[in-house]
PDB file of all heavy atoms in Angstrom:
ATOM      1  N   THR A   1     123.927  95.788 119.422  1.00  0.00           N
ATOM      2  CA  THR A   1     123.573  97.191 119.540  1.00  0.00           C
ATOM      3  C   THR A   1     122.070  97.404 119.285  1.00  0.00           C
ATOM      4  O   THR A   1     121.542  97.001 118.239  1.00  0.00           O
ATOM      5  CB  THR A   1     124.409  98.040 118.500  1.00  0.00           C
ATOM      6  OG1 THR A   1     125.756  97.838 118.765  1.00  0.00           O
ATOM      7  CG2 THR A   1     124.051  99.499 118.700  1.00  0.00           C
ATOM      8  N   LEU A   2     121.440  98.072 120.170  1.00  0.00           N
ATOM      9  CA  LEU A   2     120.013  98.340 120.031  1.00  0.00           C
ATOM     10  C   LEU A   2     119.863  99.542 119.098  1.00  0.00           C
ATOM     11  O   LEU A   2     120.415 100.637 119.387  1.00  0.00           O
ATOM     12  CB  LEU A   2     119.417  98.682 121.419  1.00  0.00           C
ATOM     13  CG  LEU A   2     117.898  98.774 121.467  1.00  0.00           C
ATOM     14  CD1 LEU A   2     117.253  97.480 121.197  1.00  0.00           C
ATOM     15  CD2 LEU A   2     117.489  99.330 122.821  1.00  0.00           C
ATOM     16  N   PRO A   3     119.175  99.374 118.016  1.00  0.00           N
ATOM     17  CA  PRO A   3     119.061 100.490 117.057  1.00  0.00           C
ATOM     18  C   PRO A   3     118.289 101.659 117.683  1.00  0.00           C
ATOM     19  O   PRO A   3     117.271 101.412 118.363  1.00  0.00           O
ATOM     20  CB  PRO A   3     118.328  99.916 115.878  1.00  0.00           C
ATOM     21  CG  PRO A   3     117.559  98.737 116.456  1.00  0.00           C
ATOM     22  CD  PRO A   3     118.404  98.223 117.530  1.00  0.00           C
ATOM     23  N   GLU A   4     118.718 102.886 117.472  1.00  0.00           N
ATOM     24  CA  GLU A   4     118.002 104.027 118.020  1.00  0.00           C
ATOM     25  C   GLU A   4     116.804 104.415 117.190  1.00  0.00           C
ATOM     26  O   GLU A   4     115.854 104.962 117.698  1.00  0.00           O
ATOM     27  CB  GLU A   4     118.981 105.210 118.139  1.00  0.00           C
ATOM     28  CG  GLU A   4     120.137 104.946 119.074  1.00  0.00           C
ATOM     29  CD  GLU A   4     121.071 106.115 119.224  1.00  0.00           C
ATOM     30  OE1 GLU A   4     120.826 107.131 118.509  1.00  0.00           O
ATOM     31  OE2 GLU A   4     122.046 106.052 120.005  1.00  0.00           O
ATOM     32  N   GLU A   5     116.854 104.115 115.903  1.00  0.00           N
ATOM     33  CA  GLU A   5     115.730 104.409 115.024  1.00  0.00           C
ATOM     34  C   GLU A   5     115.781 103.477 113.810  1.00  0.00           C
ATOM     35  O   GLU A   5     116.829 102.823 113.527  1.00  0.00           O
ATOM     36  CB  GLU A   5     115.742 105.851 114.606  1.00  0.00           C
ATOM     37  CG  GLU A   5     117.002 106.245 113.904  1.00  0.00           C
ATOM     38  CD  GLU A   5     117.059 107.739 113.583  1.00  0.00           C
ATOM     39  OE1 GLU A   5     116.322 108.511 114.223  1.00  0.00           O
ATOM     40  OE2 GLU A   5     117.825 108.158 112.692  1.00  0.00           O
ATOM     41  N   ALA A   6     114.720 103.469 113.087  1.00  0.00           N
ATOM     42  CA  ALA A   6     114.681 102.646 111.880  1.00  0.00           C
ATOM     43  C   ALA A   6     115.646 103.169 110.825  1.00  0.00           C
ATOM     44  O   ALA A   6     115.831 104.381 110.678  1.00  0.00           O
ATOM     45  CB  ALA A   6     113.225 102.638 111.299  1.00  0.00           C
ATOM     46  N   PRO A   7     116.347 102.232 110.151  1.00  0.00           N
ATOM     47  CA  PRO A   7     117.325 102.710 109.074  1.00  0.00           C
ATOM     48  C   PRO A   7     116.557 103.392 107.990  1.00  0.00           C
ATOM     49  O   PRO A   7     115.459 102.981 107.599  1.00  0.00           O
ATOM     50  CB  PRO A   7     117.959 101.399 108.656  1.00  0.00           C
ATOM     51  CG  PRO A   7     117.043 100.308 109.048  1.00  0.00           C
ATOM     52  CD  PRO A   7     116.336 100.781 110.236  1.00  0.00           C
ATOM     53  N   VAL A   8     117.200 104.390 107.398  1.00  0.00           N
ATOM     54  CA  VAL A   8     116.551 105.083 106.270  1.00  0.00           C
ATOM     55  C   VAL A   8     117.521 105.241 105.145  1.00  0.00           C
ATOM     56  O   VAL A   8     118.767 105.316 105.366  1.00  0.00           O
ATOM     57  CB  VAL A   8     116.017 106.516 106.704  1.00  0.00           C
ATOM     58  CG1 VAL A   8     114.895 106.379 107.715  1.00  0.00           C
ATOM     59  CG2 VAL A   8     117.176 107.356 107.253  1.00  0.00           C
ATOM     60  N   GLY A   9     117.007 105.284 103.892  1.00  0.00           N
ATOM     61  CA  GLY A   9     117.861 105.567 102.742  1.00  0.00           C
ATOM     62  C   GLY A   9     118.681 104.358 102.305  1.00  0.00           C
ATOM     63  O   GLY A   9     118.922 103.442 103.042  1.00  0.00           O
ATOM     64  N   GLY A  10     119.163 104.408 101.040  1.00  0.00           N
ATOM     65  CA  GLY A  10     120.045 103.427 100.548  1.00  0.00           C
ATOM     66  C   GLY A  10     119.253 102.144 100.164  1.00  0.00           C
ATOM     67  O   GLY A  10     118.111 101.983 100.431  1.00  0.00           O
ATOM     68  N   LEU A  11     119.985 101.220  99.511  1.00  0.00           N
ATOM     69  CA  LEU A  11     119.422  99.951  99.092  1.00  0.00           C
ATOM     70  C   LEU A  11     120.207  98.797  99.726  1.00  0.00           C
ATOM     71  O   LEU A  11     121.436  98.877  99.895  1.00  0.00           O
ATOM     72  CB  LEU A  11     119.493  99.835  97.576  1.00  0.00           C
ATOM     73  CG  LEU A  11     118.656 100.831  96.747  1.00  0.00           C
ATOM     74  CD1 LEU A  11     118.975 100.681  95.255  1.00  0.00           C
ATOM     75  CD2 LEU A  11     117.155 100.604  96.993  1.00  0.00           C
ATOM     76  N   ARG A  12     119.488  97.750 100.006  1.00  0.00           N
ATOM     77  CA  ARG A  12     120.114  96.541 100.629  1.00  0.00           C
ATOM     78  C   ARG A  12     119.906  95.348  99.734  1.00  0.00           C
ATOM     79  O   ARG A  12     118.786  95.211  99.143  1.00  0.00           O
ATOM     80  CB  ARG A  12     119.579  96.305 102.027  1.00  0.00           C
ATOM     81  CG  ARG A  12     119.837  97.374 103.043  1.00  0.00           C
ATOM     82  CD  ARG A  12     121.270  97.324 103.531  1.00  0.00           C
ATOM     83  NE  ARG A  12     121.681  98.508 104.295  1.00  0.00           N
ATOM     84  CZ  ARG A  12     122.814  98.642 104.931  1.00  0.00           C
ATOM     85  NH1 ARG A  12     123.713  97.639 104.895  1.00  0.00           N
ATOM     86  NH2 ARG A  12     123.111  99.696 105.606  1.00  0.00           N
ATOM     87  N   LEU A  13     120.888  94.530  99.594  1.00  0.00           N
ATOM     88  CA  LEU A  13     120.861  93.391  98.653  1.00  0.00           C
ATOM     89  C   LEU A  13     120.433  92.106  99.375  1.00  0.00           C
ATOM     90  O   LEU A  13     120.926  91.773 100.476  1.00  0.00           O
ATOM     91  CB  LEU A  13     122.240  93.190  98.037  1.00  0.00           C
ATOM     92  CG  LEU A  13     122.446  91.984  97.153  1.00  0.00           C
ATOM     93  CD1 LEU A  13     121.635  92.098  95.875  1.00  0.00           C
ATOM     94  CD2 LEU A  13     123.944  91.828  96.800  1.00  0.00           C
ATOM     95  N   ILE A  14     119.555  91.346  98.758  1.00  0.00           N
ATOM     96  CA  ILE A  14     119.256  89.943  99.171  1.00  0.00           C
ATOM     97  C   ILE A  14     119.398  89.056  97.961  1.00  0.00           C
ATOM     98  O   ILE A  14     119.397  89.516  96.828  1.00  0.00           O
ATOM     99  CB  ILE A  14     117.830  89.816  99.787  1.00  0.00           C
ATOM    100  CG1 ILE A  14     116.751  90.170  98.701  1.00  0.00           C
ATOM    101  CG2 ILE A  14     117.675  90.694 101.003  1.00  0.00           C
ATOM    102  CD1 ILE A  14     115.336  89.811  99.145  1.00  0.00           C
ATOM    103  N   GLY A  15     119.510  87.769  98.202  1.00  0.00           N
ATOM    104  CA  GLY A  15     119.586  86.778  97.118  1.00  0.00           C
ATOM    105  C   GLY A  15     118.181  86.225  96.769  1.00  0.00           C
ATOM    106  O   GLY A  15     117.185  86.672  97.310  1.00  0.00           O
ATOM    107  N   ARG A  16     118.205  85.262  95.936  1.00  0.00           N
ATOM    108  CA  ARG A  16     116.954  84.516  95.612  1.00  0.00           C
ATOM    109  C   ARG A  16     117.326  83.282  94.828  1.00  0.00           C
ATOM    110  O   ARG A  16     118.382  83.177  94.273  1.00  0.00           O
ATOM    111  CB  ARG A  16     115.930  85.379  94.909  1.00  0.00           C
ATOM    112  CG  ARG A  16     116.173  85.670  93.495  1.00  0.00           C
ATOM    113  CD  ARG A  16     115.030  86.484  92.878  1.00  0.00           C
ATOM    114  NE  ARG A  16     115.168  86.667  91.435  1.00  0.00           N
ATOM    115  CZ  ARG A  16     115.773  87.697  90.866  1.00  0.00           C
ATOM    116  NH1 ARG A  16     116.304  88.643  91.654  1.00  0.00           N
ATOM    117  NH2 ARG A  16     115.855  87.803  89.524  1.00  0.00           N
ATOM    118  N   ARG A  17     116.386  82.321  94.815  1.00  0.00           N
ATOM    119  CA  ARG A  17     116.548  81.153  94.017  1.00  0.00           C
ATOM    120  C   ARG A  17     115.282  80.929  93.212  1.00  0.00           C
ATOM    121  O   ARG A  17     114.210  81.481  93.489  1.00  0.00           O
ATOM    122  CB  ARG A  17     116.885  79.915  94.820  1.00  0.00           C
ATOM    123  CG  ARG A  17     115.829  79.446  95.761  1.00  0.00           C
ATOM    124  CD  ARG A  17     116.347  78.271  96.654  1.00  0.00           C
ATOM    125  NE  ARG A  17     116.824  77.199  95.832  1.00  0.00           N
ATOM    126  CZ  ARG A  17     117.482  76.121  96.362  1.00  0.00           C
ATOM    127  NH1 ARG A  17     117.727  76.100  97.640  1.00  0.00           N
ATOM    128  NH2 ARG A  17     117.893  75.129  95.610  1.00  0.00           N
ATOM    129  N   HIS A  18     115.364  80.074  92.193  1.00  0.00           N
ATOM    130  CA  HIS A  18     114.217  79.764  91.346  1.00  0.00           C
ATOM    131  C   HIS A  18     114.055  78.260  91.237  1.00  0.00           C
ATOM    132  O   HIS A  18     115.019  77.485  91.362  1.00  0.00           O
ATOM    133  CB  HIS A  18     114.486  80.390  89.941  1.00  0.00           C
ATOM    134  CG  HIS A  18     113.297  80.387  89.047  1.00  0.00           C
ATOM    135  ND1 HIS A  18     112.855  79.320  88.300  1.00  0.00           N
ATOM    136  CD2 HIS A  18     112.393  81.402  88.787  1.00  0.00           C
ATOM    137  CE1 HIS A  18     111.783  79.621  87.651  1.00  0.00           C
ATOM    138  NE2 HIS A  18     111.506  80.877  87.893  1.00  0.00           N
ATOM    139  N   LEU A  19     112.819  77.857  91.006  1.00  0.00           N
ATOM    140  CA  LEU A  19     112.531  76.436  90.941  1.00  0.00           C
ATOM    141  C   LEU A  19     113.334  75.705  89.844  1.00  0.00           C
ATOM    142  O   LEU A  19     113.643  74.563  89.932  1.00  0.00           O
ATOM    143  CB  LEU A  19     111.020  76.271  90.635  1.00  0.00           C
ATOM    144  CG  LEU A  19     110.482  74.829  90.649  1.00  0.00           C
ATOM    145  CD1 LEU A  19     110.630  74.168  92.001  1.00  0.00           C
ATOM    146  CD2 LEU A  19     109.002  74.826  90.214  1.00  0.00           C
ATOM    147  N   ARG A  20     113.729  76.441  88.814  1.00  0.00           N
ATOM    148  CA  ARG A  20     114.418  75.824  87.669  1.00  0.00           C
ATOM    149  C   ARG A  20     115.959  75.951  87.778  1.00  0.00           C
ATOM    150  O   ARG A  20     116.628  75.697  86.791  1.00  0.00           O
ATOM    151  CB  ARG A  20     113.943  76.511  86.355  1.00  0.00           C
ATOM    152  CG  ARG A  20     112.443  76.368  86.118  1.00  0.00           C
ATOM    153  CD  ARG A  20     112.034  76.970  84.819  1.00  0.00           C
ATOM    154  NE  ARG A  20     112.464  76.221  83.669  1.00  0.00           N
ATOM    155  CZ  ARG A  20     111.770  75.233  83.120  1.00  0.00           C
ATOM    156  NH1 ARG A  20     110.583  74.868  83.602  1.00  0.00           N
ATOM    157  NH2 ARG A  20     112.223  74.605  82.052  1.00  0.00           N
ATOM    158  N   THR A  21     116.428  76.368  88.937  1.00  0.00           N
ATOM    159  CA  THR A  21     117.908  76.402  89.142  1.00  0.00           C
ATOM    160  C   THR A  21     118.255  75.678  90.423  1.00  0.00           C
ATOM    161  O   THR A  21     117.381  75.428  91.264  1.00  0.00           O
ATOM    162  CB  THR A  21     118.411  77.849  89.213  1.00  0.00           C
ATOM    163  OG1 THR A  21     117.846  78.494  90.383  1.00  0.00           O
ATOM    164  CG2 THR A  21     118.023  78.644  88.001  1.00  0.00           C
ATOM    165  N   ASN A  22     119.522  75.376  90.602  1.00  0.00           N
ATOM    166  CA  ASN A  22     120.017  74.795  91.842  1.00  0.00           C
ATOM    167  C   ASN A  22     121.465  75.187  92.020  1.00  0.00           C
ATOM    168  O   ASN A  22     122.368  74.529  91.516  1.00  0.00           O
ATOM    169  CB  ASN A  22     119.861  73.249  91.806  1.00  0.00           C
ATOM    170  CG  ASN A  22     120.034  72.635  93.220  1.00  0.00           C
ATOM    171  OD1 ASN A  22     119.745  73.275  94.208  1.00  0.00           O
ATOM    172  ND2 ASN A  22     120.522  71.431  93.262  1.00  0.00           N
ATOM    173  N   ASN A  23     121.667  76.367  92.666  1.00  0.00           N
ATOM    174  CA  ASN A  23     122.961  76.964  92.750  1.00  0.00           C
ATOM    175  C   ASN A  23     123.523  77.109  91.291  1.00  0.00           C
ATOM    176  O   ASN A  23     122.828  77.652  90.452  1.00  0.00           O
ATOM    177  CB  ASN A  23     123.853  76.119  93.670  1.00  0.00           C
ATOM    178  CG  ASN A  23     123.220  75.985  95.049  1.00  0.00           C
ATOM    179  OD1 ASN A  23     122.657  76.918  95.546  1.00  0.00           O
ATOM    180  ND2 ASN A  23     123.336  74.781  95.643  1.00  0.00           N
ATOM    181  N   SER A  24     124.720  76.682  91.062  1.00  0.00           N
ATOM    182  CA  SER A  24     125.311  76.893  89.712  1.00  0.00           C
ATOM    183  C   SER A  24     125.311  75.651  88.834  1.00  0.00           C
ATOM    184  O   SER A  24     125.655  75.755  87.679  1.00  0.00           O
ATOM    185  CB  SER A  24     126.745  77.415  89.846  1.00  0.00           C
ATOM    186  OG  SER A  24     127.607  76.401  90.355  1.00  0.00           O
ATOM    187  N   TRP A  25     124.912  74.523  89.411  1.00  0.00           N
ATOM    188  CA  TRP A  25     125.288  73.281  88.719  1.00  0.00           C
ATOM    189  C   TRP A  25     124.204  72.673  87.778  1.00  0.00           C
ATOM    190  O   TRP A  25     124.353  71.614  87.271  1.00  0.00           O
ATOM    191  CB  TRP A  25     125.809  72.222  89.685  1.00  0.00           C
ATOM    192  CG  TRP A  25     124.922  71.746  90.792  1.00  0.00           C
ATOM    193  CD1 TRP A  25     124.557  72.411  91.922  1.00  0.00           C
ATOM    194  CD2 TRP A  25     124.338  70.470  90.891  1.00  0.00           C
ATOM    195  NE1 TRP A  25     123.800  71.595  92.730  1.00  0.00           N
ATOM    196  CE2 TRP A  25     123.610  70.360  92.118  1.00  0.00           C
ATOM    197  CE3 TRP A  25     124.318  69.292  90.068  1.00  0.00           C
ATOM    198  CZ2 TRP A  25     122.941  69.301  92.533  1.00  0.00           C
ATOM    199  CZ3 TRP A  25     123.624  68.179  90.472  1.00  0.00           C
ATOM    200  CH2 TRP A  25     122.916  68.190  91.730  1.00  0.00           C
ATOM    201  N   LEU A  26     123.113  73.415  87.526  1.00  0.00           N
ATOM    202  CA  LEU A  26     122.190  72.973  86.507  1.00  0.00           C
ATOM    203  C   LEU A  26     122.149  73.935  85.290  1.00  0.00           C
ATOM    204  O   LEU A  26     121.269  73.926  84.469  1.00  0.00           O
ATOM    205  CB  LEU A  26     120.746  72.877  87.070  1.00  0.00           C
ATOM    206  CG  LEU A  26     120.520  71.784  88.108  1.00  0.00           C
ATOM    207  CD1 LEU A  26     119.087  71.797  88.550  1.00  0.00           C
ATOM    208  CD2 LEU A  26     120.896  70.436  87.517  1.00  0.00           C
ATOM    209  N   ALA A  27     123.187  74.803  85.259  1.00  0.00           N
ATOM    210  CA  ALA A  27     123.222  75.849  84.212  1.00  0.00           C
ATOM    211  C   ALA A  27     123.336  75.359  82.813  1.00  0.00           C
ATOM    212  O   ALA A  27     123.042  76.101  81.834  1.00  0.00           O
ATOM    213  CB  ALA A  27     124.341  76.824  84.523  1.00  0.00           C
ATOM    214  N   ASN A  28     123.706  74.109  82.626  1.00  0.00           N
ATOM    215  CA  ASN A  28     123.854  73.579  81.269  1.00  0.00           C
ATOM    216  C   ASN A  28     122.698  72.681  80.797  1.00  0.00           C
ATOM    217  O   ASN A  28     122.751  72.086  79.790  1.00  0.00           O
ATOM    218  CB  ASN A  28     125.181  72.762  81.099  1.00  0.00           C
ATOM    219  CG  ASN A  28     125.853  72.988  79.789  1.00  0.00           C
ATOM    220  OD1 ASN A  28     126.022  74.117  79.338  1.00  0.00           O
ATOM    221  ND2 ASN A  28     126.245  71.914  79.115  1.00  0.00           N
ATOM    222  N   SER A  29     121.647  72.656  81.644  1.00  0.00           N
ATOM    223  CA  SER A  29     120.462  71.902  81.258  1.00  0.00           C
ATOM    224  C   SER A  29     119.615  72.728  80.281  1.00  0.00           C
ATOM    225  O   SER A  29     119.084  73.789  80.634  1.00  0.00           O
ATOM    226  CB  SER A  29     119.600  71.572  82.510  1.00  0.00           C
ATOM    227  OG  SER A  29     118.336  71.127  82.137  1.00  0.00           O
ATOM    228  N   LYS A  30     119.483  72.245  79.073  1.00  0.00           N
ATOM    229  CA  LYS A  30     118.862  72.998  78.025  1.00  0.00           C
ATOM    230  C   LYS A  30     117.378  73.271  78.347  1.00  0.00           C
ATOM    231  O   LYS A  30     116.810  74.356  78.018  1.00  0.00           O
ATOM    232  CB  LYS A  30     118.938  72.280  76.671  1.00  0.00           C
ATOM    233  CG  LYS A  30     118.362  70.870  76.677  1.00  0.00           C
ATOM    234  CD  LYS A  30     118.686  70.158  75.380  1.00  0.00           C
ATOM    235  CE  LYS A  30     118.102  68.671  75.429  1.00  0.00           C
ATOM    236  NZ  LYS A  30     118.468  67.955  74.216  1.00  0.00           N
ATOM    237  N   ARG A  31     116.737  72.343  79.032  1.00  0.00           N
ATOM    238  CA  ARG A  31     115.275  72.578  79.315  1.00  0.00           C
ATOM    239  C   ARG A  31     115.087  73.481  80.524  1.00  0.00           C
ATOM    240  O   ARG A  31     114.042  74.111  80.644  1.00  0.00           O
ATOM    241  CB  ARG A  31     114.586  71.223  79.534  1.00  0.00           C
ATOM    242  CG  ARG A  31     114.901  70.512  80.785  1.00  0.00           C
ATOM    243  CD  ARG A  31     114.312  69.110  80.746  1.00  0.00           C
ATOM    244  NE  ARG A  31     115.049  68.241  79.807  1.00  0.00           N
ATOM    245  CZ  ARG A  31     114.556  67.199  79.253  1.00  0.00           C
ATOM    246  NH1 ARG A  31     113.343  66.761  79.537  1.00  0.00           N
ATOM    247  NH2 ARG A  31     115.311  66.422  78.451  1.00  0.00           N
ATOM    248  N   LEU A  32     116.063  73.592  81.429  1.00  0.00           N
ATOM    249  CA  LEU A  32     115.858  74.442  82.638  1.00  0.00           C
ATOM    250  C   LEU A  32     116.200  75.864  82.356  1.00  0.00           C
ATOM    251  O   LEU A  32     115.647  76.768  83.005  1.00  0.00           O
ATOM    252  CB  LEU A  32     116.713  73.898  83.756  1.00  0.00           C
ATOM    253  CG  LEU A  32     116.306  72.557  84.383  1.00  0.00           C
ATOM    254  CD1 LEU A  32     117.170  72.212  85.573  1.00  0.00           C
ATOM    255  CD2 LEU A  32     114.822  72.563  84.794  1.00  0.00           C
ATOM    256  N   ILE A  33     117.128  76.145  81.418  1.00  0.00           N
ATOM    257  CA  ILE A  33     117.493  77.534  81.192  1.00  0.00           C
ATOM    258  C   ILE A  33     116.653  78.282  80.201  1.00  0.00           C
ATOM    259  O   ILE A  33     116.765  79.526  80.032  1.00  0.00           O
ATOM    260  CB  ILE A  33     119.004  77.637  80.741  1.00  0.00           C
ATOM    261  CG1 ILE A  33     119.177  76.975  79.338  1.00  0.00           C
ATOM    262  CG2 ILE A  33     119.893  77.009  81.770  1.00  0.00           C
ATOM    263  CD1 ILE A  33     120.559  77.175  78.781  1.00  0.00           C
ATOM    264  N   LYS A  34     115.703  77.566  79.553  1.00  0.00           N
ATOM    265  CA  LYS A  34     114.870  78.249  78.609  1.00  0.00           C
ATOM    266  C   LYS A  34     113.849  79.097  79.336  1.00  0.00           C
ATOM    267  O   LYS A  34     113.606  78.967  80.534  1.00  0.00           O
ATOM    268  CB  LYS A  34     114.134  77.203  77.738  1.00  0.00           C
ATOM    269  CG  LYS A  34     113.157  76.277  78.452  1.00  0.00           C
ATOM    270  CD  LYS A  34     112.619  75.248  77.489  1.00  0.00           C
ATOM    271  CE  LYS A  34     111.633  74.314  78.195  1.00  0.00           C
ATOM    272  NZ  LYS A  34     111.081  73.277  77.305  1.00  0.00           N
ATOM    273  N   GLY A  35     113.190  80.004  78.579  1.00  0.00           N
ATOM    274  CA  GLY A  35     112.237  80.910  79.232  1.00  0.00           C
ATOM    275  C   GLY A  35     112.832  82.273  79.441  1.00  0.00           C
ATOM    276  O   GLY A  35     113.882  82.609  78.943  1.00  0.00           O
ATOM    277  N   PRO A  36     112.142  83.113  80.243  1.00  0.00           N
ATOM    278  CA  PRO A  36     112.624  84.451  80.471  1.00  0.00           C
ATOM    279  C   PRO A  36     113.906  84.536  81.216  1.00  0.00           C
ATOM    280  O   PRO A  36     114.299  83.566  81.886  1.00  0.00           O
ATOM    281  CB  PRO A  36     111.476  85.105  81.302  1.00  0.00           C
ATOM    282  CG  PRO A  36     110.814  83.929  81.956  1.00  0.00           C
ATOM    283  CD  PRO A  36     110.936  82.779  80.973  1.00  0.00           C
ATOM    284  N   ASP A  37     114.556  85.668  81.082  1.00  0.00           N
ATOM    285  CA  ASP A  37     115.836  85.928  81.807  1.00  0.00           C
ATOM    286  C   ASP A  37     115.565  85.894  83.325  1.00  0.00           C
ATOM    287  O   ASP A  37     114.747  86.660  83.824  1.00  0.00           O
ATOM    288  CB  ASP A  37     116.440  87.255  81.380  1.00  0.00           C
ATOM    289  CG  ASP A  37     117.786  87.531  82.012  1.00  0.00           C
ATOM    290  OD1 ASP A  37     118.336  86.640  82.685  1.00  0.00           O
ATOM    291  OD2 ASP A  37     118.267  88.661  81.835  1.00  0.00           O
ATOM    292  N   ARG A  38     116.242  85.021  84.028  1.00  0.00           N
ATOM    293  CA  ARG A  38     116.036  84.913  85.484  1.00  0.00           C
ATOM    294  C   ARG A  38     117.163  85.540  86.276  1.00  0.00           C
ATOM    295  O   ARG A  38     117.091  85.666  87.446  1.00  0.00           O
ATOM    296  CB  ARG A  38     115.863  83.445  85.914  1.00  0.00           C
ATOM    297  CG  ARG A  38     114.480  82.933  85.496  1.00  0.00           C
ATOM    298  CD  ARG A  38     114.255  81.526  85.971  1.00  0.00           C
ATOM    299  NE  ARG A  38     114.903  80.520  85.120  1.00  0.00           N
ATOM    300  CZ  ARG A  38     114.374  80.010  84.010  1.00  0.00           C
ATOM    301  NH1 ARG A  38     113.173  80.421  83.616  1.00  0.00           N
ATOM    302  NH2 ARG A  38     115.022  79.131  83.289  1.00  0.00           N
ATOM    303  N   CYS A  39     118.242  85.939  85.559  1.00  0.00           N
ATOM    304  CA  CYS A  39     119.321  86.625  86.276  1.00  0.00           C
ATOM    305  C   CYS A  39     119.108  88.149  86.101  1.00  0.00           C
ATOM    306  O   CYS A  39     119.711  88.805  85.270  1.00  0.00           O
ATOM    307  CB  CYS A  39     120.665  86.210  85.690  1.00  0.00           C
ATOM    308  SG  CYS A  39     122.058  86.907  86.629  1.00  0.00           S
TER     309      CYS A  39
END
């Protein structure tokens, strides 16, 4: 569908990753989880 106009209003969600994480499976590494809250 060709949009008739630019969308306005509301919020849209995107994800992100961080150098000190890798999906869910490094969450128990004591040295990687230290520092500021990244979630």
